Amino acid sequence: MAKNKMKTRRAVAKRFHVTGSGKIMKNGNTNTSHLALSKEHKRKMHLRKAGELSRADRRRLRRCIAR
């Protein structure tokens, strides 16, 4: 009998990605559209970059993202 595979949580897969070395990175472009006129260009520019997750969040999200 084959074991059941864990399904990837699609909401998580759209917001994060796994690098080749196994790090979980946040995708960029969050908080750049909503109420964008009140945010400075420099702030939006830095929000576009992908960032690495903290160790506590990494453990929690590892099960949600299937490689």
N, C-alpha and C. Protein backbone atom coordinates (compact mmCIF):
# COMPACT_ATOMS: atom_id res chain seq x y z
N MET A 1 0.83 -1.18 0.00
CA MET A 1 0.00 0.00 0.00
C MET A 1 0.89 1.25 0.00
N ALA A 2 0.48 2.19 -0.81
CA ALA A 2 1.23 3.44 -0.88
C ALA A 2 0.80 4.37 0.25
N LYS A 3 1.77 5.11 0.76
CA LYS A 3 1.47 6.09 1.80
C LYS A 3 0.80 7.31 1.18
N ASN A 4 0.00 8.00 1.97
CA ASN A 4 -0.61 9.23 1.48
C ASN A 4 0.42 10.34 1.45
N LYS A 5 0.39 11.13 0.40
CA LYS A 5 1.31 12.27 0.29
C LYS A 5 0.67 13.49 0.93
N MET A 6 1.50 14.33 1.51
CA MET A 6 0.98 15.59 2.06
C MET A 6 0.75 16.56 0.92
N LYS A 7 -0.37 17.25 0.96
CA LYS A 7 -0.64 18.25 -0.06
C LYS A 7 0.01 19.57 0.32
N THR A 8 0.46 20.30 -0.69
CA THR A 8 1.02 21.63 -0.47
C THR A 8 -0.12 22.59 -0.20
N ARG A 9 0.05 23.45 0.79
CA ARG A 9 -0.94 24.48 1.04
C ARG A 9 -0.72 25.59 0.04
N ARG A 10 -1.68 25.77 -0.85
CA ARG A 10 -1.50 26.67 -1.99
C ARG A 10 -1.29 28.12 -1.56
N ALA A 11 -1.94 28.55 -0.51
CA ALA A 11 -1.78 29.93 -0.05
C ALA A 11 -0.34 30.18 0.39
N VAL A 12 0.27 29.18 1.03
CA VAL A 12 1.66 29.31 1.49
C VAL A 12 2.61 29.25 0.29
N ALA A 13 2.31 28.39 -0.67
CA ALA A 13 3.17 28.23 -1.85
C ALA A 13 3.23 29.52 -2.68
N LYS A 14 2.16 30.32 -2.63
CA LYS A 14 2.14 31.56 -3.39
C LYS A 14 2.92 32.67 -2.70
N ARG A 15 3.15 32.53 -1.39
CA ARG A 15 3.80 33.59 -0.64
C ARG A 15 5.26 33.32 -0.30
N PHE A 16 5.67 32.05 -0.35
CA PHE A 16 7.03 31.66 0.03
C PHE A 16 7.59 30.69 -1.00
N HIS A 17 8.93 30.62 -1.07
CA HIS A 17 9.56 29.62 -1.93
C HIS A 17 10.80 29.06 -1.23
N VAL A 18 11.18 27.86 -1.62
CA VAL A 18 12.33 27.18 -1.02
C VAL A 18 13.51 27.30 -1.97
N THR A 19 14.66 27.73 -1.45
CA THR A 19 15.85 27.85 -2.27
C THR A 19 16.50 26.49 -2.44
N GLY A 20 17.52 26.42 -3.26
CA GLY A 20 18.23 25.18 -3.50
C GLY A 20 18.91 24.65 -2.26
N SER A 21 19.34 25.55 -1.37
CA SER A 21 20.01 25.12 -0.13
C SER A 21 19.02 24.80 0.98
N GLY A 22 17.71 24.99 0.72
CA GLY A 22 16.71 24.61 1.71
C GLY A 22 16.16 25.76 2.54
N LYS A 23 16.62 26.99 2.29
CA LYS A 23 16.09 28.14 3.03
C LYS A 23 14.70 28.48 2.52
N ILE A 24 13.84 28.93 3.42
CA ILE A 24 12.51 29.39 3.00
C ILE A 24 12.56 30.91 2.92
N MET A 25 12.23 31.44 1.73
CA MET A 25 12.29 32.87 1.49
C MET A 25 10.89 33.41 1.25
N LYS A 26 10.66 34.65 1.72
CA LYS A 26 9.41 35.33 1.43
C LYS A 26 9.49 35.87 0.02
N ASN A 27 8.42 35.74 -0.73
CA ASN A 27 8.37 36.39 -2.03
C ASN A 27 8.22 37.89 -1.81
N GLY A 28 8.73 38.68 -2.74
CA GLY A 28 8.62 40.12 -2.60
C GLY A 28 7.22 40.61 -2.93
N ASN A 29 7.08 41.91 -3.09
CA ASN A 29 5.85 42.57 -3.53
C ASN A 29 4.70 42.53 -2.54
N THR A 30 4.95 42.28 -1.27
CA THR A 30 3.87 42.39 -0.29
C THR A 30 3.86 43.82 0.24
N ASN A 31 2.71 44.31 0.54
CA ASN A 31 2.50 45.66 1.09
C ASN A 31 2.94 46.77 0.14
N THR A 32 2.95 46.51 -1.16
CA THR A 32 3.39 47.55 -2.10
C THR A 32 2.24 48.16 -2.89
N SER A 33 1.07 47.54 -2.88
CA SER A 33 -0.03 48.04 -3.69
C SER A 33 -1.07 48.81 -2.88
N HIS A 34 -1.49 48.26 -1.76
CA HIS A 34 -2.57 48.85 -0.97
C HIS A 34 -2.09 50.13 -0.28
N LEU A 35 -2.80 51.22 -0.49
CA LEU A 35 -2.45 52.54 0.08
C LEU A 35 -1.03 52.94 -0.28
N ALA A 36 -0.67 52.73 -1.53
CA ALA A 36 0.71 52.93 -1.96
C ALA A 36 1.11 54.41 -2.01
N LEU A 37 0.15 55.29 -2.18
CA LEU A 37 0.50 56.72 -2.30
C LEU A 37 1.05 57.29 -1.01
N SER A 38 0.62 56.72 0.13
CA SER A 38 1.10 57.26 1.41
C SER A 38 2.46 56.71 1.81
N LYS A 39 2.97 55.72 1.06
CA LYS A 39 4.27 55.13 1.37
C LYS A 39 5.34 55.76 0.49
N GLU A 40 6.50 55.98 1.06
CA GLU A 40 7.61 56.56 0.29
C GLU A 40 8.15 55.54 -0.70
N HIS A 41 8.75 56.05 -1.76
CA HIS A 41 9.32 55.18 -2.80
C HIS A 41 10.38 54.26 -2.22
N LYS A 42 11.21 54.79 -1.33
CA LYS A 42 12.29 54.00 -0.73
C LYS A 42 11.71 52.82 0.07
N ARG A 43 10.64 53.07 0.80
CA ARG A 43 10.01 52.02 1.60
C ARG A 43 9.44 50.92 0.71
N LYS A 44 8.77 51.30 -0.36
CA LYS A 44 8.20 50.31 -1.28
C LYS A 44 9.29 49.52 -2.00
N MET A 45 10.40 50.20 -2.29
CA MET A 45 11.51 49.55 -2.97
C MET A 45 12.10 48.44 -2.09
N HIS A 46 12.23 48.71 -0.79
CA HIS A 46 12.77 47.71 0.12
C HIS A 46 11.77 46.57 0.38
N LEU A 47 10.48 46.87 0.30
CA LEU A 47 9.46 45.83 0.51
C LEU A 47 9.42 44.84 -0.64
N ARG A 48 9.90 45.25 -1.82
CA ARG A 48 9.87 44.37 -3.00
C ARG A 48 10.84 43.20 -2.89
N LYS A 49 11.89 43.36 -2.11
CA LYS A 49 12.92 42.32 -2.02
C LYS A 49 12.41 41.09 -1.27
N ALA A 50 12.91 39.93 -1.65
CA ALA A 50 12.59 38.70 -0.94
C ALA A 50 13.45 38.64 0.32
N GLY A 51 12.88 38.19 1.41
CA GLY A 51 13.62 38.10 2.67
C GLY A 51 13.56 36.71 3.23
N GLU A 52 14.55 36.36 4.04
CA GLU A 52 14.60 35.04 4.65
C GLU A 52 13.71 35.01 5.89
N LEU A 53 13.09 33.87 6.14
CA LEU A 53 12.22 33.73 7.31
C LEU A 53 13.03 33.49 8.57
N SER A 54 12.43 33.83 9.70
CA SER A 54 13.08 33.57 10.97
C SER A 54 13.03 32.07 11.27
N ARG A 55 13.84 31.63 12.21
CA ARG A 55 13.96 30.21 12.52
C ARG A 55 12.63 29.63 13.02
N ALA A 56 11.91 30.38 13.85
CA ALA A 56 10.64 29.91 14.40
C ALA A 56 9.60 29.72 13.29
N ASP A 57 9.54 30.68 12.36
CA ASP A 57 8.58 30.57 11.26
C ASP A 57 8.96 29.47 10.29
N ARG A 58 10.26 29.25 10.13
CA ARG A 58 10.75 28.22 9.21
C ARG A 58 10.24 26.84 9.61
N ARG A 59 10.31 26.55 10.90
CA ARG A 59 9.85 25.25 11.40
C ARG A 59 8.36 25.05 11.11
N ARG A 60 7.59 26.11 11.33
CA ARG A 60 6.15 26.03 11.16
C ARG A 60 5.75 25.84 9.70
N LEU A 61 6.45 26.52 8.79
CA LEU A 61 6.09 26.49 7.38
C LEU A 61 6.69 25.34 6.59
N ARG A 62 7.68 24.66 7.16
CA ARG A 62 8.33 23.57 6.43
C ARG A 62 7.32 22.49 6.04
N ARG A 63 6.37 22.21 6.95
CA ARG A 63 5.37 21.17 6.67
C ARG A 63 4.35 21.61 5.63
N CYS A 64 4.15 22.92 5.50
CA CYS A 64 3.13 23.43 4.56
C CYS A 64 3.63 23.42 3.12
N ILE A 65 4.94 23.54 2.93
CA ILE A 65 5.50 23.60 1.58
C ILE A 65 6.13 22.26 1.24
N ALA A 66 5.62 21.61 0.22
CA ALA A 66 6.21 20.36 -0.23
C ALA A 66 7.21 20.68 -1.33
N ARG A 67 8.33 20.01 -1.33
CA ARG A 67 9.35 20.27 -2.36
C ARG A 67 9.17 19.36 -3.53
